[in-house]
Protein backbone atom coordinates (compact mmCIF):
# COMPACT_ATOMS: atom_id res chain seq x y z
CA MET A 1 32.84 28.03 -80.20
CA SER A 2 30.32 29.56 -82.20
CA VAL A 3 29.72 33.30 -82.67
CA LEU A 4 26.25 32.88 -81.41
CA LEU A 5 27.05 30.89 -78.50
CA ALA A 6 29.77 33.39 -77.62
CA LEU A 7 27.18 36.30 -77.76
CA ILE A 8 24.64 34.44 -75.46
CA ILE A 9 27.54 33.75 -72.98
CA ILE A 10 28.58 37.51 -73.09
CA VAL A 11 24.94 38.59 -72.70
CA VAL A 12 24.47 36.12 -69.71
CA LEU A 13 27.59 37.33 -67.97
CA SER A 14 26.32 40.87 -68.54
CA LEU A 15 23.11 40.23 -66.97
CA ILE A 16 24.59 38.30 -64.02
CA SER A 17 27.17 41.32 -63.46
CA PHE A 18 24.33 43.86 -63.78
CA SER A 19 21.99 41.95 -61.32
CA LEU A 20 24.63 41.72 -58.84
CA VAL A 21 25.56 45.61 -59.00
CA LEU A 22 21.94 46.22 -58.75
CA PHE A 23 21.66 44.06 -55.64
CA VAL A 24 23.94 46.19 -54.15
CA ILE A 25 22.94 49.58 -55.19
CA GLY A 26 19.20 49.27 -55.47
CA PRO A 27 18.53 48.79 -51.91
CA ILE A 28 20.58 51.96 -51.22
CA MET A 29 18.85 54.10 -53.77
CA LEU A 30 15.11 52.72 -52.38
CA LEU A 31 15.91 52.81 -48.57
CA GLN A 32 18.37 55.57 -48.24
CA PRO A 33 17.29 58.44 -50.44
CA ASN A 34 19.34 61.79 -50.41
CA ARG A 35 18.79 63.92 -47.48
CA ARG A 36 17.93 67.75 -48.66
CA THR A 37 18.98 69.82 -45.60
CA VAL A 38 18.73 73.77 -45.50
CA GLU A 39 21.80 74.13 -47.60
CA PHE A 40 20.12 72.48 -50.43
CA TYR A 41 16.94 74.89 -50.17
CA ARG A 42 19.04 78.04 -49.56
CA THR A 43 19.26 78.52 -53.31
CA SER A 44 15.80 78.45 -54.23
CA THR A 45 13.92 79.95 -51.31
CA SER A 46 14.18 82.42 -48.50
CA LEU A 47 11.94 80.40 -46.49
CA LEU A 48 14.11 78.28 -44.63
CA HIS A 49 12.79 78.37 -41.11
CA PRO A 50 9.34 79.35 -39.58
CA GLY A 51 10.62 82.70 -38.47
CA ASP A 52 11.27 83.61 -42.11
CA ALA A 53 7.60 83.43 -42.49
CA GLY A 54 6.75 85.71 -39.24
CA LEU A 55 5.95 82.65 -37.50
CA MET A 56 6.56 81.86 -33.87
CA PHE A 57 7.44 78.17 -33.43
CA GLU A 58 8.95 75.64 -31.18
CA ASP A 59 11.84 73.57 -32.18
CA LEU A 60 11.36 69.98 -30.92
CA THR A 61 12.65 66.57 -30.90
CA LEU A 62 10.45 63.34 -30.60
CA LYS A 63 11.44 59.82 -30.50
CA THR A 64 9.57 56.95 -32.29
CA ALA A 65 8.94 53.75 -30.65
CA GLU A 66 11.99 52.18 -31.90
CA GLY A 67 13.82 55.37 -30.27
CA ILE A 68 14.68 57.01 -33.68
CA THR A 69 14.66 60.69 -33.21
CA LEU A 70 12.30 63.13 -35.18
CA SER A 71 13.21 66.92 -35.80
CA CYS A 72 10.04 68.81 -35.66
CA TRP A 73 8.48 72.23 -35.72
CA LEU A 74 5.20 73.05 -33.85
CA ILE A 75 3.54 76.42 -34.73
CA LYS A 76 0.81 77.21 -32.49
CA ALA A 77 -2.37 78.92 -33.49
CA HIS A 78 -3.91 82.09 -31.70
CA GLU A 79 -6.56 80.67 -29.79
CA PRO A 80 -9.14 79.40 -30.13
CA ALA A 81 -7.64 77.11 -32.92
CA LEU A 82 -9.70 75.68 -35.70
CA GLY A 83 -7.80 72.60 -35.50
CA THR A 84 -4.33 70.96 -35.97
CA ILE A 85 -2.74 69.92 -39.11
CA VAL A 86 0.20 67.52 -39.51
CA TYR A 87 2.31 68.00 -42.50
CA LEU A 88 4.19 65.33 -44.12
CA HIS A 89 6.84 65.88 -46.82
CA GLY A 90 7.78 63.81 -49.77
CA VAL A 91 10.91 61.71 -50.36
CA SER A 92 14.32 63.16 -50.02
CA GLU A 93 12.58 66.56 -48.97
CA CYS A 94 12.46 67.71 -45.48
CA MET A 95 9.73 69.89 -43.41
CA ILE A 96 11.06 73.03 -45.00
CA VAL A 97 9.00 72.46 -48.05
CA GLY A 98 5.83 72.87 -45.89
CA LEU A 99 6.50 76.34 -44.58
CA PRO A 100 4.37 78.11 -47.54
CA MET A 101 1.44 75.96 -46.67
CA THR A 102 1.94 76.28 -42.99
CA LYS A 103 1.93 80.24 -43.20
CA ALA A 104 -1.57 79.88 -44.90
CA LEU A 105 -2.74 77.26 -42.49
CA HIS A 106 -1.63 79.13 -39.58
CA ASP A 107 -3.07 82.68 -40.79
CA LEU A 108 -6.47 80.83 -41.23
CA GLY A 109 -6.49 79.59 -37.48
CA PHE A 110 -4.89 76.25 -37.54
CA ASN A 111 -2.07 74.77 -35.21
CA VAL A 112 0.59 73.08 -37.55
CA PHE A 113 3.12 70.54 -36.86
CA LEU A 114 5.84 69.61 -39.20
CA TYR A 115 8.70 67.04 -38.92
CA ASP A 116 11.48 65.48 -41.03
CA SER A 117 10.34 61.99 -41.65
CA ARG A 118 12.98 59.25 -40.36
CA ARG A 119 16.06 59.20 -42.79
CA HIS A 120 15.34 62.74 -44.06
CA GLY A 121 16.40 66.15 -43.23
CA GLY A 122 17.53 66.34 -39.56
CA SER A 123 15.77 63.16 -38.22
CA GLY A 124 17.54 59.85 -37.34
CA GLY A 125 17.05 56.58 -38.94
CA ARG A 126 19.12 54.54 -41.36
CA TYR A 127 16.18 53.29 -43.73
CA CYS A 128 12.92 54.95 -45.55
CA THR A 129 10.20 52.60 -45.92
CA TYR A 130 7.53 54.85 -47.30
CA GLY A 131 4.86 54.18 -45.00
CA PHE A 132 5.39 50.76 -43.28
CA TYR A 133 6.90 52.11 -40.13
CA GLU A 134 6.41 56.03 -40.81
CA LYS A 135 2.81 55.45 -40.37
CA HIS A 136 3.25 54.83 -36.76
CA ASP A 137 5.24 58.04 -36.31
CA VAL A 138 2.06 60.03 -37.24
CA SER A 139 0.66 58.48 -34.24
CA THR A 140 3.65 59.23 -32.10
CA VAL A 141 3.18 62.73 -33.10
CA ILE A 142 -0.52 62.69 -32.32
CA ASN A 143 0.21 61.14 -29.08
CA TYR A 144 2.76 64.16 -28.13
CA LEU A 145 0.04 66.89 -29.20
CA GLU A 146 -2.75 65.31 -27.00
CA GLN A 147 -0.32 65.42 -23.78
CA ARG A 148 0.37 69.10 -24.29
CA LYS A 149 -1.94 71.03 -21.92
CA ASP A 150 -1.27 74.49 -23.23
CA LEU A 151 -2.66 73.18 -26.88
CA GLN A 152 -6.28 73.56 -27.93
CA LEU A 153 -5.89 70.79 -30.61
CA GLY A 154 -9.36 70.74 -31.93
CA ASN A 155 -9.74 68.21 -34.83
CA ILE A 156 -6.76 66.82 -36.62
CA GLY A 157 -6.10 66.81 -39.97
CA VAL A 158 -3.13 65.53 -42.12
CA PHE A 159 -1.57 66.93 -45.32
CA GLY A 160 0.75 64.63 -47.11
CA SER A 161 2.83 65.21 -50.35
CA SER A 162 4.08 62.56 -52.75
CA MET A 163 5.40 59.96 -50.27
CA GLY A 164 3.96 62.20 -47.46
CA ALA A 165 0.40 61.44 -49.11
CA ALA A 166 1.14 57.67 -48.99
CA ILE A 167 1.98 57.94 -45.30
CA ALA A 168 -1.06 60.03 -44.64
CA ILE A 169 -3.35 57.61 -46.04
CA GLN A 170 -1.95 54.64 -44.45
CA ALA A 171 -1.85 56.56 -41.14
CA ALA A 172 -5.37 57.54 -41.08
CA ALA A 173 -6.36 53.93 -41.69
CA ILE A 174 -5.02 52.78 -38.63
CA ASP A 175 -5.38 56.03 -36.33
CA LYS A 176 -8.81 57.19 -35.94
CA ARG A 177 -7.85 60.42 -34.17
CA ILE A 178 -7.12 61.75 -37.97
CA ARG A 179 -10.33 63.48 -38.86
CA ALA A 180 -9.45 64.51 -42.46
CA VAL A 181 -6.66 63.78 -45.14
CA ILE A 182 -5.34 65.67 -48.09
CA ALA A 183 -3.06 63.42 -50.26
CA GLU A 184 -1.03 65.36 -53.05
CA SER A 185 0.64 63.67 -55.74
CA GLY A 186 0.72 60.23 -54.09
CA PHE A 187 1.26 56.51 -55.39
CA ALA A 188 -1.13 53.62 -55.15
CA SER A 189 1.70 51.16 -54.11
CA LEU A 190 5.37 50.78 -53.38
CA ARG A 191 5.66 47.96 -55.86
CA THR A 192 3.93 49.97 -58.73
CA VAL A 193 5.98 53.19 -58.46
CA PHE A 194 9.03 51.27 -58.05
CA ASP A 195 8.58 49.63 -61.18
CA ASP A 196 8.00 53.00 -62.89
CA TYR A 197 11.23 54.28 -61.37
CA GLN A 198 12.98 51.25 -62.29
CA LYS A 199 11.67 51.60 -66.03
CA ARG A 200 12.76 55.32 -66.17
CA MET A 201 16.07 55.03 -64.58
CA ILE A 202 17.56 51.64 -66.17
CA LYS A 203 15.00 51.34 -69.19
CA MET A 204 14.51 47.80 -68.23
CA PRO A 205 10.85 46.32 -67.43
CA TRP A 206 12.02 43.01 -66.16
CA HIS A 207 10.13 42.29 -62.95
CA TYR A 208 12.83 40.03 -61.44
CA LEU A 209 15.20 43.10 -61.14
CA ARG A 210 12.43 44.82 -59.06
CA ASN A 211 12.01 41.65 -57.18
CA LEU A 212 15.73 41.30 -56.51
CA VAL A 213 15.97 44.88 -55.02
CA ILE A 214 12.82 44.66 -53.15
CA LYS A 215 13.64 41.39 -51.53
CA ARG A 216 17.02 42.69 -50.49
CA SER A 217 15.42 45.71 -49.08
CA GLU A 218 12.90 44.01 -47.04
CA HIS A 219 15.70 41.94 -45.47
CA LEU A 220 17.83 45.03 -44.69
CA ALA A 221 15.24 47.10 -43.47
CA HIS A 222 13.08 44.51 -41.95
CA PHE A 223 9.90 45.62 -43.54
CA LYS A 224 7.03 44.20 -46.23
CA ALA A 225 7.10 45.95 -49.39
CA SER A 226 3.69 44.71 -50.28
CA ALA A 227 2.26 46.03 -46.98
CA VAL A 228 3.07 49.65 -48.28
CA SER A 229 -0.23 49.82 -50.48
CA PRO A 230 -2.24 53.28 -50.09
CA LEU A 231 -4.57 51.74 -52.40
CA GLU A 232 -5.30 49.04 -49.91
CA ALA A 233 -5.25 51.53 -46.84
CA ILE A 234 -7.65 54.08 -48.23
CA GLN A 235 -10.47 51.70 -48.20
CA LYS A 236 -10.31 51.54 -44.45
CA ILE A 237 -10.40 55.43 -44.14
CA GLN A 238 -13.76 56.69 -42.44
CA VAL A 239 -12.82 60.26 -42.89
CA PRO A 240 -13.11 62.84 -45.72
CA VAL A 241 -10.10 62.56 -48.12
CA PHE A 242 -9.12 65.29 -50.83
CA ILE A 243 -6.92 63.78 -53.66
CA LEU A 244 -5.05 66.01 -55.74
CA HIS A 245 -2.54 65.64 -58.63
CA GLY A 246 -0.92 67.16 -61.64
CA THR A 247 -1.71 65.87 -65.12
CA ALA A 248 1.89 66.48 -66.13
CA ASP A 249 3.62 64.88 -63.20
CA ASN A 250 6.47 62.71 -64.66
CA ARG A 251 7.52 61.11 -61.27
CA ILE A 252 4.27 59.48 -60.01
CA LYS A 253 1.48 59.07 -62.59
CA TYR A 254 -1.92 61.13 -61.70
CA GLN A 255 -3.62 57.91 -62.68
CA TYR A 256 -2.51 56.49 -59.35
CA SER A 257 -4.64 59.34 -57.81
CA GLU A 258 -7.60 58.21 -59.84
CA LEU A 259 -7.18 54.72 -58.35
CA LEU A 260 -7.09 55.93 -54.93
CA TYR A 261 -10.24 58.21 -55.61
CA ALA A 262 -12.07 55.24 -56.99
CA LYS A 263 -11.35 53.15 -53.88
CA ALA A 264 -12.15 55.81 -51.29
CA PRO A 265 -15.07 55.75 -49.20
CA THR A 266 -17.26 58.95 -49.44
CA PRO A 267 -17.08 61.79 -48.67
CA LYS A 268 -14.20 62.28 -50.95
CA GLU A 269 -12.81 64.76 -53.52
CA LEU A 270 -10.54 64.51 -56.53
CA TRP A 271 -8.85 67.50 -58.35
CA LEU A 272 -6.43 66.87 -61.46
CA ILE A 273 -4.63 69.97 -62.02
CA PRO A 274 -4.11 70.42 -65.83
CA GLY A 275 -0.41 70.92 -66.80
CA ALA A 276 0.91 70.81 -62.99
CA LYS A 277 4.18 68.72 -62.49
CA HIS A 278 5.39 66.87 -59.44
CA ASN A 279 6.64 69.76 -57.42
CA ASP A 280 4.84 72.73 -58.95
CA ILE A 281 1.25 71.73 -58.14
CA ALA A 282 0.59 74.66 -55.78
CA GLU A 283 1.75 77.34 -58.14
CA VAL A 284 -0.18 76.00 -61.14
CA GLY A 285 -3.18 75.51 -59.17
CA GLY A 286 -2.72 79.34 -58.10
CA ASP A 287 -5.52 80.83 -55.92
CA GLU A 288 -7.81 77.88 -56.75
CA TYR A 289 -5.41 75.46 -54.96
CA ALA A 290 -5.21 77.57 -51.78
CA ARG A 291 -8.98 77.94 -51.73
CA ARG A 292 -9.62 74.45 -52.31
CA VAL A 293 -7.10 73.08 -49.83
CA LEU A 294 -7.92 75.46 -47.01
CA GLY A 295 -11.29 75.16 -47.69
CA PHE A 296 -11.21 71.40 -47.27
CA PHE A 297 -9.76 71.66 -43.87
CA GLN A 298 -12.17 74.57 -42.72
CA LYS A 299 -15.12 72.51 -43.86
CA HIS A 300 -13.99 68.96 -42.25
CA LEU A 301 -12.34 70.10 -39.18
């Protein structure tokens, strides 16, 4: 056997072995992101519950159409409410990250509803599907809020960050009760952002690896990855959309927000925040961030 042939065999066997490992591990990484709970945030913030921000709240549990439990907080505004905002967090995060924005929205006069997305925080669920099923959970929340006779809802807006932005856009495309959307640091489609993740983590651009993981993930979680496309969903939205992204985001490219903005019907706004990364967009945006986010909901709700 020649040296060249031996090398070829070694490379082929290594590729097969790597593909088999990825076939097992890849879907777990995609469908079962790490759960961040209160213990994770305790080292970086003192805002762990609405009470820490001086907010009265209700601790609730809702069930999705499939019976998955969602851990929720409802913070009621002092009547008359300006409207109601549903907050959607990013992948691996939980509703704790929404507390600073919740405080600002409540002080302005909005009801705020936060919940841990399925397979996140204190909620149930085995798999995360990045909006394929989660967009219907937003409708479940709105159904519940509408049944509350003690709530003055007003118009309903959705604020989503990262994965939450993708869910918000997909939800607004199917639920016309949503009257305004803020999408922060979102992606255009699950396939493209997974390509980016693959190249960043394993330094291999081969599409067959992506397809291998996605096909297996689709089989396990019973969903269609190509249907997770905020870029397609945003073209069906008929309400105001505010899209914002940091230009230094090294997790989700800010160009995806540019694509979303280009496809969104009017009225729409785009704000690219110079130097902001994925998780510090509010801090870098500073007072202007608060003014523009709160002003958008004030104007359109």
